[in-house]
């Protein structure tokens, strides 16, 4: 049995203030017995504009946000999944939206760069162009830990089931999803997508979200949750800043995969012989 914590935040424009709030919530998760803790997308900064995002950039392996994550993981002796932060991308004039995984010794063990970037035009004139300032990642990340094989996806990635199938092919058991879903798209699709990714892959889903109105005028949906391989919501935090705690039973996951072996029944990409 592994206890996980998903943190929900309303991040603002000051990195130091956001890190202080994240630190409080990580401490609460530790006090509640969490062994793996997930922060939301953009946990350290929800910038007013692109210039603010660029000013907060860090070099891989160095910077106050990464130092904070390493220190929190080491102080509390837990696996800490650092939402996303803007990292410099060697040889490019754009950043990477990167999720870093730290072990209980404070060592960075994996980095996932968001693959699917959010370029959309929504109703009411709401628009997003992540490709203006981010470079899309290319590598799928699944990490073996004492708490199962952890696969990482970020926000808009949730809409692309082929990414989750690719993680499943690497034997992922728990999907970790930091996000900042918009209010509009979150109300329509957030819960059903999370539960679908859990059901179709017979996997646990841990999702940590941004919630509320931010200084840049954007509104995010919240509703951080943990979903089991049968599609049941084990716990959730619909609104406000807070913490979701749930226990993951990997024995249950293995039992479900054995009783309903849909993963083994996949036919796409297989040559059928009559």
C-alpha atoms as a PDB file:
ATOM      1  CA  UNK A   1       0.000   0.000   0.000  1.00  0.00           C
ATOM      2  CA  UNK A   2       1.310   3.436  -0.965  1.00  0.00           C
ATOM      3  CA  UNK A   3      -0.121   6.717   0.295  1.00  0.00           C
ATOM      4  CA  UNK A   4      -0.092   9.564  -2.229  1.00  0.00           C
ATOM      5  CA  UNK A   5      -0.834  13.257  -1.922  1.00  0.00           C
ATOM      6  CA  UNK A   6      -2.033  15.570  -4.703  1.00  0.00           C
ATOM      7  CA  UNK A   7      -1.703  19.277  -3.963  1.00  0.00           C
ATOM      8  CA  UNK A   8      -4.126  21.894  -5.300  1.00  0.00           C
ATOM      9  CA  UNK A   9      -2.954  25.504  -5.502  1.00  0.00           C
ATOM     10  CA  UNK A  10      -3.944  28.960  -6.714  1.00  0.00           C
ATOM     11  CA  UNK A  11      -0.476  30.042  -7.732  1.00  0.00           C
ATOM     12  CA  UNK A  12       0.298  33.713  -8.181  1.00  0.00           C
ATOM     13  CA  UNK A  13       3.001  35.867  -9.711  1.00  0.00           C
ATOM     14  CA  UNK A  14       5.607  35.728  -6.910  1.00  0.00           C
ATOM     15  CA  UNK A  15       7.787  32.632  -6.911  1.00  0.00           C
ATOM     16  CA  UNK A  16       8.802  32.992  -3.258  1.00  0.00           C
ATOM     17  CA  UNK A  17       5.175  33.192  -2.099  1.00  0.00           C
ATOM     18  CA  UNK A  18       4.161  30.193  -4.197  1.00  0.00           C
ATOM     19  CA  UNK A  19       7.059  28.117  -2.884  1.00  0.00           C
ATOM     20  CA  UNK A  20       6.172  29.001   0.696  1.00  0.00           C
ATOM     21  CA  UNK A  21       2.576  27.887   0.145  1.00  0.00           C
ATOM     22  CA  UNK A  22       3.681  24.719  -1.636  1.00  0.00           C
ATOM     23  CA  UNK A  23       6.041  23.981   1.252  1.00  0.00           C
ATOM     24  CA  UNK A  24       3.186  24.223   3.749  1.00  0.00           C
ATOM     25  CA  UNK A  25       1.056  21.828   1.715  1.00  0.00           C
ATOM     26  CA  UNK A  26       3.925  19.370   1.227  1.00  0.00           C
ATOM     27  CA  UNK A  27       4.427  19.387   5.001  1.00  0.00           C
ATOM     28  CA  UNK A  28       0.732  18.659   5.490  1.00  0.00           C
ATOM     29  CA  UNK A  29       0.976  15.777   3.032  1.00  0.00           C
ATOM     30  CA  UNK A  30       3.968  14.384   4.914  1.00  0.00           C
ATOM     31  CA  UNK A  31       2.104  14.677   8.227  1.00  0.00           C
ATOM     32  CA  UNK A  32      -0.774  12.744   6.640  1.00  0.00           C
ATOM     33  CA  UNK A  33       1.613   9.922   5.759  1.00  0.00           C
ATOM     34  CA  UNK A  34       2.081  10.582   2.035  1.00  0.00           C
ATOM     35  CA  UNK A  35       5.059   8.827   0.454  1.00  0.00           C
ATOM     36  CA  UNK A  36       4.580  10.289  -3.023  1.00  0.00           C
ATOM     37  CA  UNK A  37       3.467  13.919  -3.413  1.00  0.00           C
ATOM     38  CA  UNK A  38       2.430  15.634  -6.642  1.00  0.00           C
ATOM     39  CA  UNK A  39       2.371  19.406  -7.210  1.00  0.00           C
ATOM     40  CA  UNK A  40       0.243  21.063  -9.925  1.00  0.00           C
ATOM     41  CA  UNK A  41       1.406  22.490 -13.230  1.00  0.00           C
ATOM     42  CA  UNK A  42       3.028  25.941 -12.881  1.00  0.00           C
ATOM     43  CA  UNK A  43       3.054  25.540  -9.091  1.00  0.00           C
ATOM     44  CA  UNK A  44       5.898  28.037  -8.654  1.00  0.00           C
ATOM     45  CA  UNK A  45       4.530  30.715 -10.981  1.00  0.00           C
ATOM     46  CA  UNK A  46       1.373  31.616 -12.858  1.00  0.00           C
ATOM     47  CA  UNK A  47       2.894  34.539 -14.784  1.00  0.00           C
ATOM     48  CA  UNK A  48       1.170  37.711 -15.858  1.00  0.00           C
ATOM     49  CA  UNK A  49       2.933  37.577 -19.228  1.00  0.00           C
ATOM     50  CA  UNK A  50       5.602  35.800 -21.244  1.00  0.00           C
ATOM     51  CA  UNK A  51       8.370  38.083 -19.959  1.00  0.00           C
ATOM     52  CA  UNK A  52       7.663  36.990 -16.372  1.00  0.00           C
ATOM     53  CA  UNK A  53       7.827  33.354 -17.417  1.00  0.00           C
ATOM     54  CA  UNK A  54      11.191  33.921 -19.107  1.00  0.00           C
ATOM     55  CA  UNK A  55      12.584  35.738 -16.059  1.00  0.00           C
ATOM     56  CA  UNK A  56      11.725  32.756 -13.842  1.00  0.00           C
ATOM     57  CA  UNK A  57      13.508  30.247 -16.109  1.00  0.00           C
ATOM     58  CA  UNK A  58      16.118  27.946 -14.650  1.00  0.00           C
ATOM     59  CA  UNK A  59      19.046  25.968 -15.979  1.00  0.00           C
ATOM     60  CA  UNK A  60      18.580  22.206 -15.552  1.00  0.00           C
ATOM     61  CA  UNK A  61      20.124  21.214 -12.233  1.00  0.00           C
ATOM     62  CA  UNK A  62      20.355  24.726 -10.769  1.00  0.00           C
ATOM     63  CA  UNK A  63      17.920  27.333  -9.500  1.00  0.00           C
ATOM     64  CA  UNK A  64      15.721  28.223  -6.535  1.00  0.00           C
ATOM     65  CA  UNK A  65      12.713  26.195  -7.676  1.00  0.00           C
ATOM     66  CA  UNK A  66      14.783  23.043  -8.181  1.00  0.00           C
ATOM     67  CA  UNK A  67      16.624  23.672  -4.902  1.00  0.00           C
ATOM     68  CA  UNK A  68      13.252  23.943  -3.160  1.00  0.00           C
ATOM     69  CA  UNK A  69      12.013  20.652  -4.615  1.00  0.00           C
ATOM     70  CA  UNK A  70      15.187  18.809  -3.659  1.00  0.00           C
ATOM     71  CA  UNK A  71      15.122  20.236  -0.126  1.00  0.00           C
ATOM     72  CA  UNK A  72      11.448  19.359   0.426  1.00  0.00           C
ATOM     73  CA  UNK A  73      11.929  15.787  -0.807  1.00  0.00           C
ATOM     74  CA  UNK A  74      14.988  15.338   1.396  1.00  0.00           C
ATOM     75  CA  UNK A  75      13.511  17.030   4.477  1.00  0.00           C
ATOM     76  CA  UNK A  76      10.355  14.914   4.434  1.00  0.00           C
ATOM     77  CA  UNK A  77      11.873  11.726   3.027  1.00  0.00           C
ATOM     78  CA  UNK A  78       9.353  11.344   0.212  1.00  0.00           C
ATOM     79  CA  UNK A  79       9.113  11.151  -3.572  1.00  0.00           C
ATOM     80  CA  UNK A  80       8.224  14.636  -4.809  1.00  0.00           C
ATOM     81  CA  UNK A  81       6.876  15.287  -8.292  1.00  0.00           C
ATOM     82  CA  UNK A  82       7.462  18.924  -9.111  1.00  0.00           C
ATOM     83  CA  UNK A  83       4.455  19.921 -11.167  1.00  0.00           C
ATOM     84  CA  UNK A  84       6.095  21.939 -13.938  1.00  0.00           C
ATOM     85  CA  UNK A  85       8.676  24.701 -14.101  1.00  0.00           C
ATOM     86  CA  UNK A  86      10.267  26.552 -17.034  1.00  0.00           C
ATOM     87  CA  UNK A  87      13.682  25.103 -17.904  1.00  0.00           C
ATOM     88  CA  UNK A  88      16.129  26.376 -20.495  1.00  0.00           C
ATOM     89  CA  UNK A  89      16.333  24.238 -23.601  1.00  0.00           C
ATOM     90  CA  UNK A  90      19.901  24.044 -24.950  1.00  0.00           C
ATOM     91  CA  UNK A  91      20.225  25.480 -28.427  1.00  0.00           C
ATOM     92  CA  UNK A  92      16.676  26.851 -28.527  1.00  0.00           C
ATOM     93  CA  UNK A  93      15.144  30.254 -27.897  1.00  0.00           C
ATOM     94  CA  UNK A  94      12.135  28.658 -26.169  1.00  0.00           C
ATOM     95  CA  UNK A  95      11.689  26.952 -22.816  1.00  0.00           C
ATOM     96  CA  UNK A  96      10.598  23.468 -21.787  1.00  0.00           C
ATOM     97  CA  UNK A  97       7.632  22.930 -19.501  1.00  0.00           C
ATOM     98  CA  UNK A  98       9.347  20.351 -17.316  1.00  0.00           C
ATOM     99  CA  UNK A  99       8.186  18.029 -14.567  1.00  0.00           C
ATOM    100  CA  UNK A 100      10.982  16.792 -12.270  1.00  0.00           C
ATOM    101  CA  UNK A 101      10.811  13.765  -9.969  1.00  0.00           C
ATOM    102  CA  UNK A 102      12.928  13.814  -6.805  1.00  0.00           C
ATOM    103  CA  UNK A 103      13.643  10.822  -4.567  1.00  0.00           C
ATOM    104  CA  UNK A 104      13.650  10.884  -0.731  1.00  0.00           C
ATOM    105  CA  UNK A 105      17.354  11.804  -0.735  1.00  0.00           C
ATOM    106  CA  UNK A 106      16.598  14.935  -2.750  1.00  0.00           C
ATOM    107  CA  UNK A 107      18.120  13.608  -5.959  1.00  0.00           C
ATOM    108  CA  UNK A 108      16.479  14.409  -9.290  1.00  0.00           C
ATOM    109  CA  UNK A 109      15.639  11.014 -10.778  1.00  0.00           C
ATOM    110  CA  UNK A 110      13.654  11.890 -13.907  1.00  0.00           C
ATOM    111  CA  UNK A 111      12.561  14.787 -16.089  1.00  0.00           C
ATOM    112  CA  UNK A 112       9.492  14.882 -18.324  1.00  0.00           C
ATOM    113  CA  UNK A 113       9.038  17.719 -20.818  1.00  0.00           C
ATOM    114  CA  UNK A 114       5.404  18.327 -21.777  1.00  0.00           C
ATOM    115  CA  UNK A 115       4.819  16.773 -25.195  1.00  0.00           C
ATOM    116  CA  UNK A 116       1.432  18.182 -26.215  1.00  0.00           C
ATOM    117  CA  UNK A 117       1.342  21.977 -26.110  1.00  0.00           C
ATOM    118  CA  UNK A 118      -1.922  23.839 -25.600  1.00  0.00           C
ATOM    119  CA  UNK A 119      -2.702  25.972 -28.684  1.00  0.00           C
ATOM    120  CA  UNK A 120      -6.465  26.573 -28.663  1.00  0.00           C
ATOM    121  CA  UNK A 121      -9.148  29.179 -29.304  1.00  0.00           C
ATOM    122  CA  UNK A 122     -12.018  28.829 -26.846  1.00  0.00           C
ATOM    123  CA  UNK A 123     -15.399  30.530 -26.647  1.00  0.00           C
ATOM    124  CA  UNK A 124     -15.505  34.065 -25.303  1.00  0.00           C
ATOM    125  CA  UNK A 125     -12.185  35.043 -26.868  1.00  0.00           C
ATOM    126  CA  UNK A 126     -10.122  32.879 -24.507  1.00  0.00           C
ATOM    127  CA  UNK A 127      -6.982  31.690 -26.288  1.00  0.00           C
ATOM    128  CA  UNK A 128      -3.728  29.945 -25.441  1.00  0.00           C
ATOM    129  CA  UNK A 129      -0.514  29.574 -27.477  1.00  0.00           C
ATOM    130  CA  UNK A 130       1.993  27.499 -25.540  1.00  0.00           C
ATOM    131  CA  UNK A 131       4.111  26.985 -28.649  1.00  0.00           C
ATOM    132  CA  UNK A 132       4.942  30.698 -28.570  1.00  0.00           C
ATOM    133  CA  UNK A 133       7.241  30.121 -25.597  1.00  0.00           C
ATOM    134  CA  UNK A 134       7.640  26.344 -25.101  1.00  0.00           C
ATOM    135  CA  UNK A 135       9.315  23.616 -27.140  1.00  0.00           C
ATOM    136  CA  UNK A 136       7.457  20.296 -27.131  1.00  0.00           C
ATOM    137  CA  UNK A 137       9.109  17.389 -25.376  1.00  0.00           C
ATOM    138  CA  UNK A 138       9.790  14.110 -27.163  1.00  0.00           C
ATOM    139  CA  UNK A 139      10.534  11.513 -24.489  1.00  0.00           C
ATOM    140  CA  UNK A 140       8.104   9.334 -22.570  1.00  0.00           C
ATOM    141  CA  UNK A 141       8.961   8.944 -18.882  1.00  0.00           C
ATOM    142  CA  UNK A 142       8.170   5.928 -16.691  1.00  0.00           C
ATOM    143  CA  UNK A 143      10.193   5.551 -13.504  1.00  0.00           C
ATOM    144  CA  UNK A 144      10.534   2.447 -11.355  1.00  0.00           C
ATOM    145  CA  UNK A 145      10.158   3.264  -7.628  1.00  0.00           C
ATOM    146  CA  UNK A 146       9.327   1.400  -4.393  1.00  0.00           C
ATOM    147  CA  UNK A 147       5.805   2.751  -4.895  1.00  0.00           C
ATOM    148  CA  UNK A 148       5.215   1.306  -8.336  1.00  0.00           C
ATOM    149  CA  UNK A 149       6.137   2.291 -11.859  1.00  0.00           C
ATOM    150  CA  UNK A 150       5.258   5.969 -12.211  1.00  0.00           C
ATOM    151  CA  UNK A 151       4.375   7.526 -15.564  1.00  0.00           C
ATOM    152  CA  UNK A 152       4.148  11.294 -16.054  1.00  0.00           C
ATOM    153  CA  UNK A 153       1.907  13.418 -18.275  1.00  0.00           C
ATOM    154  CA  UNK A 154       1.029  17.108 -18.039  1.00  0.00           C
ATOM    155  CA  UNK A 155      -2.378  18.769 -18.448  1.00  0.00           C
ATOM    156  CA  UNK A 156      -3.175  18.823 -22.216  1.00  0.00           C
ATOM    157  CA  UNK A 157      -1.398  15.449 -22.561  1.00  0.00           C
ATOM    158  CA  UNK A 158      -4.474  13.985 -20.872  1.00  0.00           C
ATOM    159  CA  UNK A 159      -6.392  14.241 -24.161  1.00  0.00           C
ATOM    160  CA  UNK A 160      -4.018  11.919 -26.013  1.00  0.00           C
ATOM    161  CA  UNK A 161      -4.618   8.283 -25.023  1.00  0.00           C
ATOM    162  CA  UNK A 162      -1.773   7.065 -27.232  1.00  0.00           C
ATOM    163  CA  UNK A 163       0.700   8.665 -24.803  1.00  0.00           C
ATOM    164  CA  UNK A 164      -0.803   6.688 -21.930  1.00  0.00           C
ATOM    165  CA  UNK A 165      -0.709   3.489 -24.007  1.00  0.00           C
ATOM    166  CA  UNK A 166       2.972   4.147 -24.632  1.00  0.00           C
ATOM    167  CA  UNK A 167       3.525   4.499 -20.883  1.00  0.00           C
ATOM    168  CA  UNK A 168       1.507   1.326 -20.321  1.00  0.00           C
ATOM    169  CA  UNK A 169       3.788  -0.492 -22.768  1.00  0.00           C
ATOM    170  CA  UNK A 170       6.605   0.558 -20.430  1.00  0.00           C
ATOM    171  CA  UNK A 171       4.668  -1.133 -17.596  1.00  0.00           C
ATOM    172  CA  UNK A 172       3.336   2.023 -15.938  1.00  0.00           C
ATOM    173  CA  UNK A 173       1.058   1.391 -12.962  1.00  0.00           C
ATOM    174  CA  UNK A 174       0.423   4.933 -11.683  1.00  0.00           C
ATOM    175  CA  UNK A 175      -0.100   7.988 -13.884  1.00  0.00           C
ATOM    176  CA  UNK A 176       0.911  11.321 -12.320  1.00  0.00           C
ATOM    177  CA  UNK A 177      -0.744  14.324 -13.964  1.00  0.00           C
ATOM    178  CA  UNK A 178       0.020  17.907 -12.887  1.00  0.00           C
ATOM    179  CA  UNK A 179      -2.409  20.268 -14.581  1.00  0.00           C
ATOM    180  CA  UNK A 180      -3.887  23.751 -14.917  1.00  0.00           C
ATOM    181  CA  UNK A 181      -7.070  22.935 -16.829  1.00  0.00           C
ATOM    182  CA  UNK A 182      -9.151  25.968 -17.767  1.00  0.00           C
ATOM    183  CA  UNK A 183     -12.508  26.377 -16.072  1.00  0.00           C
ATOM    184  CA  UNK A 184     -14.315  25.914 -19.383  1.00  0.00           C
ATOM    185  CA  UNK A 185     -12.565  22.734 -20.489  1.00  0.00           C
ATOM    186  CA  UNK A 186     -12.329  21.397 -16.953  1.00  0.00           C
ATOM    187  CA  UNK A 187     -16.056  21.541 -16.376  1.00  0.00           C
ATOM    188  CA  UNK A 188     -16.654  19.674 -19.626  1.00  0.00           C
ATOM    189  CA  UNK A 189     -13.892  17.078 -19.717  1.00  0.00           C
ATOM    190  CA  UNK A 190     -11.549  16.874 -16.695  1.00  0.00           C
ATOM    191  CA  UNK A 191     -13.190  14.136 -14.643  1.00  0.00           C
ATOM    192  CA  UNK A 192     -14.242  11.965 -17.568  1.00  0.00           C
ATOM    193  CA  UNK A 193     -10.747  12.065 -19.096  1.00  0.00           C
ATOM    194  CA  UNK A 194      -9.055  11.142 -15.831  1.00  0.00           C
ATOM    195  CA  UNK A 195     -11.406   8.256 -15.219  1.00  0.00           C
ATOM    196  CA  UNK A 196     -11.102   7.074 -18.822  1.00  0.00           C
ATOM    197  CA  UNK A 197      -7.289   7.002 -18.646  1.00  0.00           C
ATOM    198  CA  UNK A 198      -7.560   4.950 -15.438  1.00  0.00           C
ATOM    199  CA  UNK A 199     -10.145   2.482 -16.771  1.00  0.00           C
ATOM    200  CA  UNK A 200      -8.693   1.830 -20.212  1.00  0.00           C
ATOM    201  CA  UNK A 201      -5.197   1.218 -18.811  1.00  0.00           C
ATOM    202  CA  UNK A 202      -6.223  -0.483 -15.543  1.00  0.00           C
ATOM    203  CA  UNK A 203      -4.009   2.029 -13.753  1.00  0.00           C
ATOM    204  CA  UNK A 204      -4.142   4.505 -10.885  1.00  0.00           C
ATOM    205  CA  UNK A 205      -4.361   8.200 -11.790  1.00  0.00           C
ATOM    206  CA  UNK A 206      -3.135  10.941  -9.457  1.00  0.00           C
ATOM    207  CA  UNK A 207      -3.997  14.447 -10.678  1.00  0.00           C
ATOM    208  CA  UNK A 208      -2.971  17.734  -9.051  1.00  0.00           C
ATOM    209  CA  UNK A 209      -4.571  20.894 -10.401  1.00  0.00           C
ATOM    210  CA  UNK A 210      -4.548  24.663 -10.239  1.00  0.00           C
ATOM    211  CA  UNK A 211      -7.781  26.243  -9.034  1.00  0.00           C
ATOM    212  CA  UNK A 212      -9.330  29.706  -9.089  1.00  0.00           C
ATOM    213  CA  UNK A 213      -8.713  33.137 -10.567  1.00  0.00           C
ATOM    214  CA  UNK A 214      -5.119  34.067 -11.327  1.00  0.00           C
ATOM    215  CA  UNK A 215      -3.388  37.429 -11.736  1.00  0.00           C
ATOM    216  CA  UNK A 216      -3.186  37.014 -15.515  1.00  0.00           C
ATOM    217  CA  UNK A 217      -6.993  36.882 -15.673  1.00  0.00           C
ATOM    218  CA  UNK A 218      -7.156  33.150 -16.336  1.00  0.00           C
ATOM    219  CA  UNK A 219      -9.414  30.842 -14.332  1.00  0.00           C
ATOM    220  CA  UNK A 220      -8.538  27.220 -13.609  1.00  0.00           C
ATOM    221  CA  UNK A 221     -10.850  24.347 -12.773  1.00  0.00           C
ATOM    222  CA  UNK A 222      -9.289  22.560  -9.803  1.00  0.00           C
ATOM    223  CA  UNK A 223     -10.880  19.244  -8.761  1.00  0.00           C
ATOM    224  CA  UNK A 224      -7.632  17.431  -7.970  1.00  0.00           C
ATOM    225  CA  UNK A 225      -8.326  13.743  -7.497  1.00  0.00           C
ATOM    226  CA  UNK A 226      -7.059  10.181  -7.249  1.00  0.00           C
ATOM    227  CA  UNK A 227      -8.746   7.513  -9.371  1.00  0.00           C
ATOM    228  CA  UNK A 228      -8.338   3.748  -9.021  1.00  0.00           C
ATOM    229  CA  UNK A 229      -7.967   1.232 -11.906  1.00  0.00           C
ATOM    230  CA  UNK A 230     -11.707   0.514 -11.858  1.00  0.00           C
ATOM    231  CA  UNK A 231     -12.505   4.198 -12.397  1.00  0.00           C
ATOM    232  CA  UNK A 232     -13.592   4.932  -8.835  1.00  0.00           C
ATOM    233  CA  UNK A 233     -12.641   8.327  -7.409  1.00  0.00           C
ATOM    234  CA  UNK A 234     -10.828   7.563  -4.157  1.00  0.00           C
ATOM    235  CA  UNK A 235     -10.615  11.184  -3.015  1.00  0.00           C
ATOM    236  CA  UNK A 236     -10.863  14.679  -4.466  1.00  0.00           C
ATOM    237  CA  UNK A 237     -10.548  18.398  -3.707  1.00  0.00           C
ATOM    238  CA  UNK A 238     -13.032  20.235  -5.909  1.00  0.00           C
ATOM    239  CA  UNK A 239     -12.357  23.865  -4.961  1.00  0.00           C
ATOM    240  CA  UNK A 240      -9.887  25.939  -3.012  1.00  0.00           C
ATOM    241  CA  UNK A 241      -6.277  25.265  -2.182  1.00  0.00           C
ATOM    242  CA  UNK A 242      -5.807  21.975  -0.421  1.00  0.00           C
ATOM    243  CA  UNK A 243      -4.635  18.414  -0.377  1.00  0.00           C
ATOM    244  CA  UNK A 244      -5.947  15.070  -1.619  1.00  0.00           C
ATOM    245  CA  UNK A 245      -4.733  11.972   0.224  1.00  0.00           C
ATOM    246  CA  UNK A 246      -5.397   8.413  -0.946  1.00  0.00           C
ATOM    247  CA  UNK A 247      -3.959   4.912  -0.574  1.00  0.00           C
ATOM    248  CA  UNK A 248      -2.944   2.980  -3.687  1.00  0.00           C
ATOM    249  CA  UNK A 249      -3.063  -0.807  -3.479  1.00  0.00           C
ATOM    250  CA  UNK A 250      -0.868  -2.188  -6.254  1.00  0.00           C
ATOM    251  CA  UNK A 251      -2.128  -5.663  -5.369  1.00  0.00           C
ATOM    252  CA  UNK A 252      -5.616  -4.480  -6.348  1.00  0.00           C
ATOM    253  CA  UNK A 253      -4.220  -3.184  -9.645  1.00  0.00           C
ATOM    254  CA  UNK A 254      -2.650  -6.560 -10.437  1.00  0.00           C
ATOM    255  CA  UNK A 255      -5.886  -8.322  -9.498  1.00  0.00           C
ATOM    256  CA  UNK A 256      -7.941  -6.118 -11.835  1.00  0.00           C
ATOM    257  CA  UNK A 257      -5.482  -6.634 -14.682  1.00  0.00           C
ATOM    258  CA  UNK A 258      -5.756 -10.394 -14.156  1.00  0.00           C
ATOM    259  CA  UNK A 259      -9.545 -10.588 -13.810  1.00  0.00           C
ATOM    260  CA  UNK A 260     -10.261  -8.234 -16.727  1.00  0.00           C
ATOM    261  CA  UNK A 261      -7.214  -8.604 -18.984  1.00  0.00           C
ATOM    262  CA  UNK A 262      -8.232  -6.011 -21.573  1.00  0.00           C
ATOM    263  CA  UNK A 263      -4.609  -4.903 -21.891  1.00  0.00           C
ATOM    264  CA  UNK A 264      -3.704  -8.347 -23.261  1.00  0.00           C
ATOM    265  CA  UNK A 265      -6.709  -8.268 -25.597  1.00  0.00           C
ATOM    266  CA  UNK A 266      -5.482  -5.288 -27.619  1.00  0.00           C
ATOM    267  CA  UNK A 267      -5.546  -5.932 -31.376  1.00  0.00           C
ATOM    268  CA  UNK A 268      -4.386  -2.658 -32.919  1.00  0.00           C
ATOM    269  CA  UNK A 269      -0.993  -3.110 -34.561  1.00  0.00           C
ATOM    270  CA  UNK A 270      -1.267  -6.898 -34.444  1.00  0.00           C
ATOM    271  CA  UNK A 271      -1.565  -9.027 -37.599  1.00  0.00           C
ATOM    272  CA  UNK A 272      -4.557 -11.326 -37.130  1.00  0.00           C
ATOM    273  CA  UNK A 273      -4.471 -14.783 -38.690  1.00  0.00           C
ATOM    274  CA  UNK A 274      -7.720 -16.609 -39.387  1.00  0.00           C
END
